[in-house]
């Protein structure tokens, strides 16, 4: 079976709440979403009784018996090893916050069709009616035999860190929180190319990350893994440092491997002389703080819909500017990463997604830009057909090299 992008419209365009004009008569987003954005389609025909006897009983019983005797056959004779569960509890949906599982479903359906469209990966949206960490972990563990991978989505921090860690410990399939790692992969790819454009190595750069939530923590970890010169992370109360006594366990761990320079104070204080600003927090950074950055700086202001630094302001001081928006150049978009990462992991039946696989994805993504590198082109478009194959191949090769591939 395969999930597909289809026009699954019911044909009923009436308002069921008493005769008011239907929402989709004036908003094309509602018109597109009516009836949902995806469906399931069979990959084998059921045209007659012979087909039916093979696809279902009695033929299916022989396949079931074989799998019961040799469980590994499930990967050859079902879709398990090629389908991903997109799991949320609806607590951190886009910029909408905690809107609950039902209201999250349009986003999860969208994520599923992006998996299919950009990576050829089937995906099933699952919105859980629970928010307790133990309940989420136990539920996903029990669902896992039906899937080849778990994509965690829009689960609020700091719970998302523990949920991912515990699932990775208990499952032998990839578990990947895209809000963390997808953002980090694409950010690193763009930063590699920005550094190449300026003739510098990543090890020569000092970065400041605004936001110590899921994305900010993952970006900091990946930059350190990639050899950044230094990176400091700021939350609402200022720079995360060992001197602070108000840190959560996640931020205490963050303080141990970031901020080698020992910067303290506000985000604005940290930006003075910095080479890179990475925004994943919202809010607005004062123009004076951007102006205080080093010459030839990079500004990646990724909050949506309002970047922390508007591109018009950023371009006054920065050599390279990126945002999370599609209407400006250099969009940092997770869809550049997660479809290919899962496609590569599933291709080799990887037991997990390692740091090396994520670094390989970032390098492959950066490599797609090639000789076309320019200040307004440090990251490719999501519609560049070279992206997914490049990321898929790099991730699969890294999985084999790191010993987590099973085929």
Protein backbone atom coordinates (compact mmCIF):
# COMPACT_ATOMS: atom_id res chain seq x y z
CA UNK A 1 0.00 0.00 0.00
CA UNK A 2 1.05 3.58 -0.46
CA UNK A 3 -0.08 6.94 0.86
CA UNK A 4 -0.61 9.35 -2.00
CA UNK A 5 -1.40 12.99 -2.53
CA UNK A 6 -4.92 12.88 -3.90
CA UNK A 7 -8.00 15.03 -4.33
CA UNK A 8 -9.95 13.13 -1.70
CA UNK A 9 -12.98 15.41 -1.78
CA UNK A 10 -16.33 14.23 -0.47
CA UNK A 11 -18.25 16.51 -2.82
CA UNK A 12 -20.26 17.89 0.11
CA UNK A 13 -19.57 21.60 0.15
CA UNK A 14 -22.26 22.62 2.62
CA UNK A 15 -21.73 24.10 6.03
CA UNK A 16 -22.97 21.64 8.63
CA UNK A 17 -23.32 24.30 11.32
CA UNK A 18 -26.52 25.89 10.15
CA UNK A 19 -26.43 27.37 6.69
CA UNK A 20 -23.57 29.86 6.91
CA UNK A 21 -21.33 30.19 3.88
CA UNK A 22 -18.77 27.32 3.87
CA UNK A 23 -15.23 28.26 4.82
CA UNK A 24 -13.79 26.90 1.61
CA UNK A 25 -15.89 29.25 -0.49
CA UNK A 26 -13.57 32.13 0.38
CA UNK A 27 -10.35 30.51 1.64
CA UNK A 28 -8.46 28.23 -0.78
CA UNK A 29 -6.63 26.56 2.12
CA UNK A 30 -9.96 25.17 3.37
CA UNK A 31 -10.92 24.12 -0.13
CA UNK A 32 -7.68 22.17 -0.50
CA UNK A 33 -8.07 20.49 2.89
CA UNK A 34 -11.70 19.40 2.53
CA UNK A 35 -11.81 15.63 2.93
CA UNK A 36 -8.13 15.49 3.90
CA UNK A 37 -4.96 15.61 1.80
CA UNK A 38 -4.08 11.94 1.49
CA UNK A 39 -5.46 8.45 0.93
CA UNK A 40 -4.27 4.84 0.86
CA UNK A 41 -3.93 3.09 -2.49
CA UNK A 42 -3.34 -0.61 -3.09
CA UNK A 43 -0.19 -1.64 -4.94
CA UNK A 44 -1.67 -4.95 -6.14
CA UNK A 45 -4.89 -5.52 -8.12
CA UNK A 46 -7.96 -7.25 -6.72
CA UNK A 47 -9.89 -7.83 -9.97
CA UNK A 48 -11.35 -11.30 -9.48
CA UNK A 49 -11.62 -14.20 -7.06
CA UNK A 50 -8.11 -15.41 -7.87
CA UNK A 51 -6.63 -12.02 -6.94
CA UNK A 52 -8.78 -11.95 -3.81
CA UNK A 53 -7.63 -15.41 -2.75
CA UNK A 54 -4.00 -14.28 -3.00
CA UNK A 55 -4.30 -10.81 -1.49
CA UNK A 56 -6.50 -12.07 1.32
CA UNK A 57 -7.58 -15.49 2.50
CA UNK A 58 -6.49 -18.19 1.91
CA UNK A 59 -3.23 -17.03 0.29
CA UNK A 60 -2.42 -14.45 2.94
CA UNK A 61 -2.35 -17.18 5.58
CA UNK A 62 0.71 -18.77 3.99
CA UNK A 63 2.57 -15.46 4.19
CA UNK A 64 1.50 -14.97 7.82
CA UNK A 65 2.73 -18.46 8.72
CA UNK A 66 6.08 -17.84 7.06
CA UNK A 67 6.54 -14.56 8.97
CA UNK A 68 5.59 -16.23 12.24
CA UNK A 69 8.32 -18.81 11.63
CA UNK A 70 10.87 -16.25 10.33
CA UNK A 71 10.01 -12.77 11.69
CA UNK A 72 12.58 -11.06 9.49
CA UNK A 73 10.41 -11.88 6.48
CA UNK A 74 8.03 -9.11 7.56
CA UNK A 75 10.41 -6.67 5.86
CA UNK A 76 10.09 -8.50 2.54
CA UNK A 77 6.38 -9.29 2.51
CA UNK A 78 4.76 -6.24 4.13
CA UNK A 79 5.27 -2.50 3.83
CA UNK A 80 6.65 -2.28 7.38
CA UNK A 81 10.24 -1.45 6.48
CA UNK A 82 9.24 1.30 4.07
CA UNK A 83 6.66 3.27 6.06
CA UNK A 84 7.11 5.95 8.72
CA UNK A 85 4.78 6.95 11.54
CA UNK A 86 4.46 10.73 11.91
CA UNK A 87 3.65 11.01 15.63
CA UNK A 88 2.51 14.07 17.55
CA UNK A 89 0.65 14.98 20.72
CA UNK A 90 -0.30 18.39 19.36
CA UNK A 91 1.52 20.39 22.03
CA UNK A 92 3.83 22.51 19.85
CA UNK A 93 2.23 22.78 16.43
CA UNK A 94 3.95 25.26 14.12
CA UNK A 95 3.70 28.65 15.84
CA UNK A 96 0.23 27.81 17.16
CA UNK A 97 1.39 26.11 20.34
CA UNK A 98 -0.65 23.50 22.23
CA UNK A 99 -3.72 23.09 20.01
CA UNK A 100 -4.33 19.41 20.68
CA UNK A 101 -4.19 16.24 18.58
CA UNK A 102 -7.21 16.81 16.34
CA UNK A 103 -6.19 20.33 15.34
CA UNK A 104 -2.69 19.03 14.60
CA UNK A 105 -3.88 16.55 11.97
CA UNK A 106 -3.75 18.92 8.97
CA UNK A 107 -0.07 19.48 9.72
CA UNK A 108 0.61 15.76 10.19
CA UNK A 109 -1.17 14.94 6.92
CA UNK A 110 0.94 17.62 5.27
CA UNK A 111 4.09 16.09 6.70
CA UNK A 112 3.08 12.68 5.40
CA UNK A 113 2.55 13.90 1.86
CA UNK A 114 5.90 15.73 1.97
CA UNK A 115 7.55 12.42 2.85
CA UNK A 116 5.95 10.88 -0.23
CA UNK A 117 6.39 13.82 -2.59
CA UNK A 118 10.01 14.62 -1.78
CA UNK A 119 11.42 11.26 -0.64
CA UNK A 120 9.17 8.55 -2.01
CA UNK A 121 8.54 7.43 1.57
CA UNK A 122 5.09 6.33 2.72
CA UNK A 123 4.01 7.91 6.01
CA UNK A 124 1.01 7.68 8.32
CA UNK A 125 -0.08 10.59 10.54
CA UNK A 126 -0.76 9.59 14.15
CA UNK A 127 -2.08 12.18 16.61
CA UNK A 128 -2.03 10.85 20.16
CA UNK A 129 -4.63 11.72 22.78
CA UNK A 130 -2.10 11.89 25.59
CA UNK A 131 0.71 14.21 26.67
CA UNK A 132 2.31 12.30 29.55
CA UNK A 133 5.84 11.23 28.63
CA UNK A 134 5.37 7.66 29.87
CA UNK A 135 2.07 7.31 28.01
CA UNK A 136 3.55 8.58 24.73
CA UNK A 137 6.59 6.31 24.97
CA UNK A 138 4.54 3.23 25.78
CA UNK A 139 2.02 3.97 23.02
CA UNK A 140 4.67 4.43 20.35
CA UNK A 141 6.54 1.32 21.46
CA UNK A 142 3.36 -0.70 21.01
CA UNK A 143 2.70 0.81 17.58
CA UNK A 144 6.29 0.35 16.38
CA UNK A 145 5.97 -3.20 14.91
CA UNK A 146 3.88 -1.69 12.09
CA UNK A 147 6.53 0.81 10.99
CA UNK A 148 10.08 1.09 9.70
CA UNK A 149 10.71 4.43 11.42
CA UNK A 150 9.21 6.98 13.80
CA UNK A 151 9.18 10.69 13.00
CA UNK A 152 8.31 12.69 16.11
CA UNK A 153 6.65 15.98 15.28
CA UNK A 154 5.48 19.09 17.11
CA UNK A 155 5.99 17.78 20.66
CA UNK A 156 6.88 20.51 23.12
CA UNK A 157 10.25 20.90 24.81
CA UNK A 158 11.72 19.75 27.10
CA UNK A 159 9.49 16.65 26.95
CA UNK A 160 10.52 16.00 23.34
CA UNK A 161 14.13 15.29 24.37
CA UNK A 162 13.20 12.59 26.87
CA UNK A 163 10.60 11.03 24.59
CA UNK A 164 13.07 10.72 21.73
CA UNK A 165 15.84 9.38 23.96
CA UNK A 166 13.67 6.75 25.59
CA UNK A 167 12.21 5.59 22.28
CA UNK A 168 15.68 5.32 20.78
CA UNK A 169 16.72 3.16 23.71
CA UNK A 170 13.76 0.81 23.36
CA UNK A 171 13.30 0.51 19.61
CA UNK A 172 15.55 -0.92 16.91
CA UNK A 173 14.21 1.36 14.18
CA UNK A 174 15.05 5.01 13.46
CA UNK A 175 13.44 7.52 15.83
CA UNK A 176 13.92 11.11 14.66
CA UNK A 177 12.47 14.33 16.06
CA UNK A 178 12.41 16.47 12.95
CA UNK A 179 11.86 19.75 14.79
CA UNK A 180 15.30 19.17 16.28
CA UNK A 181 17.41 17.35 13.77
CA UNK A 182 15.88 18.31 10.43
CA UNK A 183 16.35 21.98 11.24
CA UNK A 184 19.90 21.33 12.41
CA UNK A 185 20.87 19.43 9.25
CA UNK A 186 19.63 22.15 6.90
CA UNK A 187 21.19 24.89 9.05
CA UNK A 188 24.57 23.17 8.98
CA UNK A 189 24.37 22.70 5.21
CA UNK A 190 23.65 26.39 4.68
CA UNK A 191 26.40 27.40 7.11
CA UNK A 192 28.96 25.20 5.37
CA UNK A 193 28.23 26.90 2.07
CA UNK A 194 28.20 30.38 3.60
CA UNK A 195 31.61 29.68 5.10
CA UNK A 196 32.88 28.34 1.77
CA UNK A 197 31.62 31.44 0.01
CA UNK A 198 33.55 33.65 2.43
CA UNK A 199 36.72 31.55 2.24
CA UNK A 200 36.51 30.47 5.86
CA UNK A 201 36.30 27.14 7.62
CA UNK A 202 33.54 26.41 10.13
CA UNK A 203 36.21 26.10 12.79
CA UNK A 204 36.96 29.81 12.40
CA UNK A 205 33.41 30.91 13.20
CA UNK A 206 31.72 31.93 16.43
CA UNK A 207 27.96 31.44 16.35
CA UNK A 208 25.12 32.61 18.56
CA UNK A 209 21.84 30.70 18.63
CA UNK A 210 18.68 32.44 19.82
CA UNK A 211 16.41 29.81 21.34
CA UNK A 212 17.19 26.88 23.64
CA UNK A 213 14.22 24.75 22.67
CA UNK A 214 14.18 21.66 20.47
CA UNK A 215 15.72 23.25 17.37
CA UNK A 216 18.22 25.46 19.20
CA UNK A 217 19.66 22.62 21.27
CA UNK A 218 19.94 20.31 18.25
CA UNK A 219 21.58 23.00 16.12
CA UNK A 220 24.16 23.69 18.83
CA UNK A 221 24.95 19.99 19.17
CA UNK A 222 25.33 19.55 15.42
CA UNK A 223 27.53 22.63 15.04
CA UNK A 224 29.83 21.34 17.78
CA UNK A 225 29.89 17.91 16.10
CA UNK A 226 30.80 19.63 12.81
CA UNK A 227 33.70 21.51 14.41
CA UNK A 228 32.36 25.05 14.91
CA UNK A 229 34.87 27.39 16.54
CA UNK A 230 32.42 28.24 19.31
CA UNK A 231 28.66 28.50 19.77
CA UNK A 232 26.65 30.15 22.50
CA UNK A 233 22.92 29.62 23.00
CA UNK A 234 20.59 32.21 24.51
CA UNK A 235 17.14 31.69 26.01
CA UNK A 236 14.69 34.26 27.39
CA UNK A 237 16.93 34.88 30.40
CA UNK A 238 20.17 35.31 28.50
CA UNK A 239 23.16 33.25 27.44
CA UNK A 240 23.20 29.65 28.66
CA UNK A 241 26.35 29.30 30.74
CA UNK A 242 27.70 27.22 33.61
CA UNK A 243 27.33 30.19 35.95
CA UNK A 244 23.55 30.20 35.73
CA UNK A 245 21.67 28.48 38.53
CA UNK A 246 18.25 28.37 36.84
CA UNK A 247 18.99 25.87 34.07
CA UNK A 248 16.90 22.80 33.28
CA UNK A 249 18.76 19.48 32.97
CA UNK A 250 18.80 19.86 29.16
CA UNK A 251 20.27 23.37 29.39
CA UNK A 252 22.82 22.28 32.01
CA UNK A 253 24.03 19.65 29.58
CA UNK A 254 24.06 22.29 26.83
CA UNK A 255 26.23 24.57 28.97
CA UNK A 256 28.83 21.82 29.27
CA UNK A 257 29.70 21.67 25.56
CA UNK A 258 28.90 25.18 24.32
CA UNK A 259 30.09 28.70 25.05
CA UNK A 260 33.79 27.95 25.40
CA UNK A 261 34.45 31.68 25.56
CA UNK A 262 32.37 31.95 28.72
CA UNK A 263 30.08 34.67 27.36
CA UNK A 264 27.45 35.91 29.81
CA UNK A 265 24.66 38.44 29.67
CA UNK A 266 21.99 38.92 27.02
CA UNK A 267 21.64 37.70 23.45
CA UNK A 268 22.63 41.16 22.31
CA UNK A 269 25.79 40.99 24.42
CA UNK A 270 26.72 37.67 22.82
CA UNK A 271 26.21 39.00 19.30
CA UNK A 272 28.96 41.60 19.64
CA UNK A 273 31.75 40.40 17.33
CA UNK A 274 29.95 37.14 16.47
CA UNK A 275 30.25 35.67 12.98
CA UNK A 276 26.90 33.88 12.86
CA UNK A 277 23.40 34.53 14.19
CA UNK A 278 20.93 31.63 14.11
CA UNK A 279 17.40 32.45 15.22
CA UNK A 280 14.90 29.74 16.13
CA UNK A 281 12.98 31.56 18.84
CA UNK A 282 10.81 34.34 17.47
CA UNK A 283 10.92 37.84 18.85
CA UNK A 284 12.93 40.67 17.35
CA UNK A 285 16.66 41.32 17.55
CA UNK A 286 17.57 45.01 17.69
CA UNK A 287 19.30 46.39 14.63
CA UNK A 288 22.09 47.73 16.85
CA UNK A 289 22.90 44.18 17.94
CA UNK A 290 23.10 42.98 14.34
CA UNK A 291 25.34 45.92 13.50
CA UNK A 292 27.70 44.88 16.30
CA UNK A 293 28.45 41.52 14.66
CA UNK A 294 31.74 40.85 12.88
CA UNK A 295 32.27 42.05 9.35
CA UNK A 296 31.01 39.56 6.77
CA UNK A 297 28.64 37.94 9.27
CA UNK A 298 25.88 35.44 8.46
CA UNK A 299 22.33 35.98 9.69
CA UNK A 300 19.99 32.98 9.66
CA UNK A 301 16.73 34.39 11.07
CA UNK A 302 14.38 31.43 10.82
CA UNK A 303 11.30 32.33 12.86
CA UNK A 304 8.04 32.13 10.90
CA UNK A 305 6.23 34.13 9.74
CA UNK A 306 8.26 37.01 11.21
CA UNK A 307 12.06 36.51 11.18
CA UNK A 308 13.97 37.71 14.24
CA UNK A 309 15.83 40.06 11.89
CA UNK A 310 14.02 41.23 8.79
CA UNK A 311 16.08 40.50 5.66
CA UNK A 312 16.14 44.19 4.70
CA UNK A 313 17.83 44.96 8.02
CA UNK A 314 20.09 41.91 7.92
CA UNK A 315 21.40 42.74 4.46
CA UNK A 316 22.76 46.05 5.73
CA UNK A 317 25.33 44.20 7.82
CA UNK A 318 25.50 40.53 6.79
CA UNK A 319 27.22 38.84 3.85
CA UNK A 320 24.69 35.98 3.79
CA UNK A 321 21.08 36.09 4.96
CA UNK A 322 18.72 33.12 5.32
CA UNK A 323 15.20 32.78 6.68
CA UNK A 324 12.53 30.14 7.15
CA UNK A 325 10.29 31.75 4.55
CA UNK A 326 9.79 30.73 0.94
CA UNK A 327 9.46 34.30 -0.32
CA UNK A 328 13.11 35.16 0.45
CA UNK A 329 16.28 33.51 -0.88
CA UNK A 330 18.03 30.81 1.18
CA UNK A 331 15.03 29.21 2.85
CA UNK A 332 16.01 26.92 5.73
CA UNK A 333 13.30 24.31 5.24
CA UNK A 334 13.20 20.91 6.95
CA UNK A 335 11.73 19.33 3.83
CA UNK A 336 15.26 19.47 2.40
CA UNK A 337 16.34 16.95 5.04
CA UNK A 338 13.79 14.58 6.54
CA UNK A 339 12.52 12.83 3.37
CA UNK A 340 16.02 11.90 2.21
CA UNK A 341 17.24 11.04 5.70
CA UNK A 342 14.43 8.55 6.23
CA UNK A 343 14.67 7.25 2.65
CA UNK A 344 18.35 6.49 3.20
CA UNK A 345 17.80 4.93 6.61
CA UNK A 346 14.94 2.75 5.36
CA UNK A 347 16.85 1.75 2.24
CA UNK A 348 19.45 -0.04 4.37
CA UNK A 349 17.09 -0.89 7.26
CA UNK A 350 19.16 1.18 9.67
CA UNK A 351 18.53 0.50 13.34
CA UNK A 352 18.89 4.19 14.18
CA UNK A 353 19.91 7.55 12.76
CA UNK A 354 23.38 8.47 14.00
CA UNK A 355 25.13 11.82 14.27
CA UNK A 356 27.33 10.69 11.39
CA UNK A 357 24.29 10.08 9.21
CA UNK A 358 22.98 13.56 9.97
CA UNK A 359 26.36 15.15 9.21
CA UNK A 360 26.47 13.19 5.94
CA UNK A 361 23.01 14.50 5.07
CA UNK A 362 24.14 18.08 5.68
CA UNK A 363 27.27 17.63 3.57
CA UNK A 364 25.27 16.09 0.71
CA UNK A 365 22.72 18.89 0.86
CA UNK A 366 25.45 21.52 0.79
CA UNK A 367 27.06 19.73 -2.13
CA UNK A 368 23.96 20.07 -4.30
CA UNK A 369 24.67 23.83 -4.57
CA UNK A 370 28.07 23.10 -6.10
CA UNK A 371 29.63 25.77 -8.31
CA UNK A 372 26.43 27.83 -8.33
CA UNK A 373 27.24 29.05 -4.82
CA UNK A 374 26.29 32.69 -4.24
CA UNK A 375 25.20 34.91 -1.38
CA UNK A 376 21.57 34.35 -2.34
CA UNK A 377 22.08 30.64 -3.01
CA UNK A 378 23.76 28.79 -0.15
CA UNK A 379 20.99 26.17 0.13
CA UNK A 380 19.03 24.51 -2.70
CA UNK A 381 15.30 24.77 -3.26
CA UNK A 382 13.05 22.02 -1.88
CA UNK A 383 11.94 21.52 -5.49
CA UNK A 384 15.45 20.77 -6.72
CA UNK A 385 15.13 17.16 -7.83
CA UNK A 386 18.77 16.45 -6.96
CA UNK A 387 18.23 16.96 -3.23
CA UNK A 388 16.48 13.79 -2.07
CA UNK A 389 18.65 11.35 -4.09
CA UNK A 390 21.84 13.03 -2.83
CA UNK A 391 20.74 12.97 0.80
CA UNK A 392 19.38 9.42 0.52
CA UNK A 393 22.63 8.05 -0.90
CA UNK A 394 24.79 9.87 1.64
CA UNK A 395 22.71 8.69 4.61
CA UNK A 396 22.64 5.09 3.40
CA UNK A 397 26.42 5.10 2.90
CA UNK A 398 26.98 6.60 6.35
CA UNK A 399 24.71 4.00 7.95
CA UNK A 400 26.79 1.24 6.38
CA UNK A 401 30.03 2.89 7.44
CA UNK A 402 28.82 3.24 11.03
CA UNK A 403 27.57 -0.34 11.28
CA UNK A 404 23.84 0.39 11.79
CA UNK A 405 22.70 -0.87 8.36
CA UNK A 406 21.03 -4.29 8.23
CA UNK A 407 20.92 -4.74 4.46
